[in-house]
C-alpha cells in the first residue's frame, strides 16, 4: 500500500467496515506518518469511533439504508444561530 500526503495535511477520516481492521490500518498509518514523514500525530485526538458520532470540519457523517451522507452538523448550526442572534441583537451597536 502506497500513501501520498500533502505537507499541509492535518485532518483525515478513515472508513472501514470492521473496527478491528480500522484500528490496524490506523496503527500502520500512524507509523508511516511518524517514522517516514517525521511528523507528530496527536494521540488524544486520534480515535476509532462509530460513524454516527463523527464531526469532521463542521459536517456530520451519517448512514442511511443505501449510502453514507453528509450534512452540516447540528452543533455547527447551533453556533451559527447564536452568532446571528448576537449580531442582530437590539443592543448591538453595529445594527
N, C-alpha and C. Protein backbone atom coordinates (compact mmCIF):
# COMPACT_ATOMS: atom_id res chain seq x y z
N UNK A 1 0.85 -1.18 0.00
CA UNK A 1 0.00 0.00 0.00
C UNK A 1 0.89 1.24 0.00
N UNK A 2 0.67 2.11 -0.95
CA UNK A 2 1.41 3.37 -1.01
C UNK A 2 0.50 4.49 -0.53
N UNK A 3 1.10 5.41 0.20
CA UNK A 3 0.36 6.57 0.69
C UNK A 3 1.13 7.83 0.30
N UNK A 4 0.41 8.80 -0.17
CA UNK A 4 0.99 10.10 -0.51
C UNK A 4 0.28 11.15 0.32
N UNK A 5 1.06 12.00 0.99
CA UNK A 5 0.49 13.02 1.85
C UNK A 5 0.94 14.40 1.39
N UNK A 6 0.05 15.33 1.54
CA UNK A 6 0.35 16.73 1.28
C UNK A 6 1.04 17.29 2.53
N UNK A 7 2.05 18.16 2.40
CA UNK A 7 2.69 18.72 3.60
C UNK A 7 1.73 19.49 4.50
N UNK A 8 0.65 20.01 3.93
CA UNK A 8 -0.31 20.74 4.77
C UNK A 8 -1.40 19.82 5.29
N UNK A 9 -1.20 18.53 5.20
CA UNK A 9 -2.15 17.52 5.65
C UNK A 9 -2.34 17.62 7.16
N UNK A 10 -3.57 17.86 7.59
CA UNK A 10 -3.81 17.96 9.03
C UNK A 10 -4.95 17.07 9.50
N UNK A 11 -5.95 16.82 8.68
CA UNK A 11 -7.12 16.06 9.10
C UNK A 11 -7.37 14.90 8.16
N UNK A 12 -7.92 13.83 8.72
CA UNK A 12 -8.21 12.66 7.92
C UNK A 12 -9.33 11.87 8.56
N UNK A 13 -10.18 11.29 7.73
CA UNK A 13 -11.22 10.37 8.19
C UNK A 13 -11.02 9.07 7.43
N UNK A 14 -11.05 7.97 8.16
CA UNK A 14 -10.84 6.66 7.59
C UNK A 14 -12.09 5.83 7.79
N UNK A 15 -12.63 5.28 6.71
CA UNK A 15 -13.84 4.46 6.79
C UNK A 15 -13.50 3.01 6.50
N UNK A 16 -14.01 2.12 7.34
CA UNK A 16 -13.81 0.70 7.17
C UNK A 16 -14.99 -0.02 7.80
N UNK A 17 -15.31 -1.20 7.31
CA UNK A 17 -16.48 -1.92 7.83
C UNK A 17 -16.25 -2.48 9.22
N UNK A 18 -15.06 -2.96 9.49
CA UNK A 18 -14.77 -3.63 10.77
C UNK A 18 -13.90 -2.73 11.65
N UNK A 19 -14.23 -2.65 12.92
CA UNK A 19 -13.48 -1.80 13.85
C UNK A 19 -12.04 -2.30 14.01
N UNK A 20 -11.86 -3.61 14.05
CA UNK A 20 -10.54 -4.18 14.23
C UNK A 20 -9.62 -3.85 13.06
N UNK A 21 -10.15 -3.94 11.84
CA UNK A 21 -9.32 -3.62 10.68
C UNK A 21 -9.03 -2.12 10.62
N UNK A 22 -9.97 -1.30 11.08
CA UNK A 22 -9.75 0.15 11.13
C UNK A 22 -8.62 0.48 12.09
N UNK A 23 -8.60 -0.17 13.24
CA UNK A 23 -7.54 0.06 14.21
C UNK A 23 -6.18 -0.37 13.66
N UNK A 24 -6.15 -1.49 12.92
CA UNK A 24 -4.91 -1.97 12.33
C UNK A 24 -4.40 -1.00 11.26
N UNK A 25 -5.29 -0.52 10.41
CA UNK A 25 -4.90 0.43 9.37
C UNK A 25 -4.43 1.74 10.00
N UNK A 26 -5.13 2.20 11.02
CA UNK A 26 -4.75 3.44 11.71
C UNK A 26 -3.36 3.31 12.31
N UNK A 27 -3.06 2.17 12.92
CA UNK A 27 -1.73 1.96 13.50
C UNK A 27 -0.65 2.02 12.43
N UNK A 28 -0.91 1.43 11.27
CA UNK A 28 0.06 1.46 10.18
C UNK A 28 0.24 2.88 9.63
N UNK A 29 -0.85 3.61 9.51
CA UNK A 29 -0.76 4.98 9.02
C UNK A 29 0.00 5.86 10.01
N UNK A 30 -0.25 5.68 11.30
CA UNK A 30 0.48 6.47 12.30
C UNK A 30 1.97 6.17 12.28
N UNK A 31 2.32 4.90 12.10
CA UNK A 31 3.74 4.55 11.99
C UNK A 31 4.37 5.23 10.78
N UNK A 32 3.67 5.24 9.67
CA UNK A 32 4.17 5.87 8.46
C UNK A 32 4.36 7.38 8.67
N UNK A 33 3.36 8.02 9.27
CA UNK A 33 3.43 9.47 9.49
C UNK A 33 4.58 9.82 10.42
N UNK A 34 4.74 9.03 11.48
CA UNK A 34 5.76 9.37 12.48
C UNK A 34 7.17 8.96 12.05
N UNK A 35 7.32 7.80 11.41
CA UNK A 35 8.65 7.32 11.07
C UNK A 35 9.15 7.82 9.72
N UNK A 36 8.35 7.76 8.70
CA UNK A 36 8.78 8.14 7.36
C UNK A 36 8.72 9.65 7.14
N UNK A 37 7.61 10.27 7.57
CA UNK A 37 7.43 11.70 7.32
C UNK A 37 7.98 12.57 8.44
N UNK A 38 8.32 11.95 9.56
CA UNK A 38 8.87 12.66 10.73
C UNK A 38 7.90 13.73 11.24
N UNK A 39 6.60 13.40 11.25
CA UNK A 39 5.58 14.29 11.80
C UNK A 39 5.02 13.68 13.08
N UNK A 40 4.45 14.52 13.92
CA UNK A 40 3.84 14.03 15.16
C UNK A 40 2.33 13.96 14.99
N UNK A 41 1.75 12.87 15.43
CA UNK A 41 0.29 12.72 15.41
C UNK A 41 -0.22 12.91 16.83
N UNK A 42 -1.31 13.63 16.97
CA UNK A 42 -1.90 13.87 18.28
C UNK A 42 -2.68 12.63 18.70
N UNK A 43 -2.16 11.89 19.67
CA UNK A 43 -2.78 10.64 20.11
C UNK A 43 -4.11 10.88 20.82
N UNK A 44 -4.28 12.03 21.44
CA UNK A 44 -5.53 12.33 22.15
C UNK A 44 -6.69 12.56 21.18
N UNK A 45 -6.40 13.14 20.03
CA UNK A 45 -7.44 13.42 19.05
C UNK A 45 -7.67 12.26 18.09
N UNK A 46 -6.74 11.33 18.03
CA UNK A 46 -6.85 10.20 17.12
C UNK A 46 -7.66 9.10 17.78
N UNK A 47 -8.71 8.67 17.11
CA UNK A 47 -9.55 7.62 17.68
C UNK A 47 -10.32 6.88 16.60
N UNK A 48 -10.85 5.75 16.97
CA UNK A 48 -11.73 4.96 16.11
C UNK A 48 -13.10 5.02 16.75
N UNK A 49 -14.10 5.47 16.00
CA UNK A 49 -15.43 5.59 16.57
C UNK A 49 -16.50 5.25 15.54
N UNK A 50 -17.71 5.13 16.01
CA UNK A 50 -18.85 4.83 15.16
C UNK A 50 -19.11 6.01 14.23
N UNK A 51 -19.55 5.74 13.03
CA UNK A 51 -19.70 6.77 12.01
C UNK A 51 -20.72 7.85 12.40
N UNK A 52 -21.73 7.51 13.18
CA UNK A 52 -22.74 8.49 13.56
C UNK A 52 -22.26 9.51 14.58
N UNK A 53 -21.10 9.28 15.18
CA UNK A 53 -20.58 10.19 16.21
C UNK A 53 -19.46 11.08 15.68
N UNK A 54 -19.27 11.11 14.38
CA UNK A 54 -18.16 11.87 13.80
C UNK A 54 -18.61 13.27 13.40
N UNK A 55 -17.84 14.25 13.83
CA UNK A 55 -17.98 15.62 13.35
C UNK A 55 -16.66 15.97 12.70
N UNK A 56 -16.68 16.20 11.39
CA UNK A 56 -15.45 16.44 10.64
C UNK A 56 -15.57 17.73 9.86
N UNK A 57 -14.77 18.71 10.23
CA UNK A 57 -14.74 20.02 9.57
C UNK A 57 -16.11 20.67 9.51
N UNK A 58 -16.89 20.51 10.59
CA UNK A 58 -18.20 21.14 10.68
C UNK A 58 -19.34 20.33 10.09
N UNK A 59 -19.04 19.18 9.55
CA UNK A 59 -20.06 18.34 8.94
C UNK A 59 -20.24 17.06 9.73
N UNK A 60 -21.46 16.58 9.78
CA UNK A 60 -21.75 15.29 10.37
C UNK A 60 -21.82 14.25 9.27
N UNK A 61 -21.37 13.06 9.58
CA UNK A 61 -21.40 11.97 8.61
C UNK A 61 -22.36 10.93 9.14
N UNK A 62 -23.37 10.61 8.35
CA UNK A 62 -24.45 9.73 8.78
C UNK A 62 -24.66 8.61 7.77
N UNK A 63 -25.20 7.52 8.24
CA UNK A 63 -25.50 6.41 7.34
C UNK A 63 -27.00 6.35 7.10
N UNK A 64 -27.37 6.01 5.88
CA UNK A 64 -28.75 5.70 5.56
C UNK A 64 -28.79 4.23 5.15
N UNK A 65 -29.93 3.78 4.71
CA UNK A 65 -30.03 2.37 4.33
C UNK A 65 -29.20 2.04 3.10
N UNK A 66 -28.99 3.02 2.25
CA UNK A 66 -28.30 2.74 0.99
C UNK A 66 -26.88 3.29 0.92
N UNK A 67 -26.57 4.39 1.61
CA UNK A 67 -25.26 5.00 1.44
C UNK A 67 -24.89 5.85 2.66
N UNK A 68 -23.73 6.48 2.55
CA UNK A 68 -23.24 7.40 3.58
C UNK A 68 -23.54 8.82 3.12
N UNK A 69 -24.09 9.63 4.02
CA UNK A 69 -24.46 11.01 3.67
C UNK A 69 -23.75 11.98 4.60
N UNK A 70 -23.57 13.20 4.12
CA UNK A 70 -23.01 14.26 4.94
C UNK A 70 -23.99 15.42 4.98
N UNK A 71 -23.95 16.15 6.09
CA UNK A 71 -24.72 17.38 6.22
C UNK A 71 -24.07 18.22 7.30
N UNK A 72 -24.47 19.46 7.37
CA UNK A 72 -23.90 20.35 8.38
C UNK A 72 -24.29 19.80 9.76
N UNK A 73 -23.30 19.70 10.64
CA UNK A 73 -23.52 19.12 11.96
C UNK A 73 -24.41 20.01 12.80
N UNK A 74 -25.21 19.42 13.67
CA UNK A 74 -26.15 20.18 14.49
C UNK A 74 -25.45 21.17 15.41
N UNK A 75 -24.26 20.84 15.90
CA UNK A 75 -23.52 21.78 16.75
C UNK A 75 -23.06 22.99 15.95
N UNK A 76 -22.70 22.78 14.69
CA UNK A 76 -22.29 23.89 13.83
C UNK A 76 -23.46 24.81 13.55
N UNK A 77 -24.63 24.24 13.33
CA UNK A 77 -25.84 25.04 13.11
C UNK A 77 -26.16 25.86 14.34
N UNK A 78 -26.04 25.26 15.53
CA UNK A 78 -26.31 25.98 16.77
C UNK A 78 -25.34 27.14 16.95
N UNK A 79 -24.06 26.95 16.62
CA UNK A 79 -23.07 28.02 16.71
C UNK A 79 -23.42 29.18 15.79
N UNK A 80 -23.82 28.87 14.57
CA UNK A 80 -24.17 29.90 13.60
C UNK A 80 -25.38 30.69 14.08
N UNK A 81 -26.38 29.99 14.63
CA UNK A 81 -27.58 30.66 15.12
C UNK A 81 -27.26 31.62 16.27
N UNK A 82 -26.39 31.21 17.20
CA UNK A 82 -26.04 32.11 18.31
C UNK A 82 -25.27 33.32 17.81
N UNK A 83 -24.40 33.13 16.81
CA UNK A 83 -23.66 34.27 16.25
C UNK A 83 -24.60 35.25 15.56
N UNK A 84 -25.57 34.73 14.83
CA UNK A 84 -26.53 35.59 14.14
C UNK A 84 -27.38 36.35 15.15
N UNK A 85 -27.81 35.68 16.21
CA UNK A 85 -28.60 36.35 17.25
C UNK A 85 -27.80 37.45 17.93
N UNK A 86 -26.51 37.19 18.14
CA UNK A 86 -25.65 38.19 18.78
C UNK A 86 -25.48 39.42 17.87
N UNK A 87 -25.31 39.19 16.59
CA UNK A 87 -25.15 40.30 15.64
C UNK A 87 -26.46 41.10 15.51
N UNK A 88 -27.59 40.40 15.49
CA UNK A 88 -28.88 41.05 15.26
C UNK A 88 -29.57 41.52 16.55
N UNK A 89 -28.87 41.43 17.67
CA UNK A 89 -29.48 41.88 18.93
C UNK A 89 -29.75 43.37 18.90
N UNK A 90 -30.82 43.80 19.54
CA UNK A 90 -31.19 45.23 19.53
C UNK A 90 -30.16 46.08 20.27
N UNK A 91 -29.47 45.48 21.23
CA UNK A 91 -28.48 46.24 21.98
C UNK A 91 -27.13 46.29 21.28
N UNK A 92 -27.02 45.67 20.11
CA UNK A 92 -25.76 45.66 19.38
C UNK A 92 -25.54 47.04 18.75
N UNK A 93 -24.33 47.57 18.90
CA UNK A 93 -24.01 48.89 18.38
C UNK A 93 -23.83 48.88 16.87
N UNK A 94 -23.62 47.71 16.29
CA UNK A 94 -23.40 47.63 14.84
C UNK A 94 -24.69 47.83 14.06
N UNK A 95 -25.82 47.40 14.62
CA UNK A 95 -27.09 47.45 13.88
C UNK A 95 -27.83 48.68 14.14
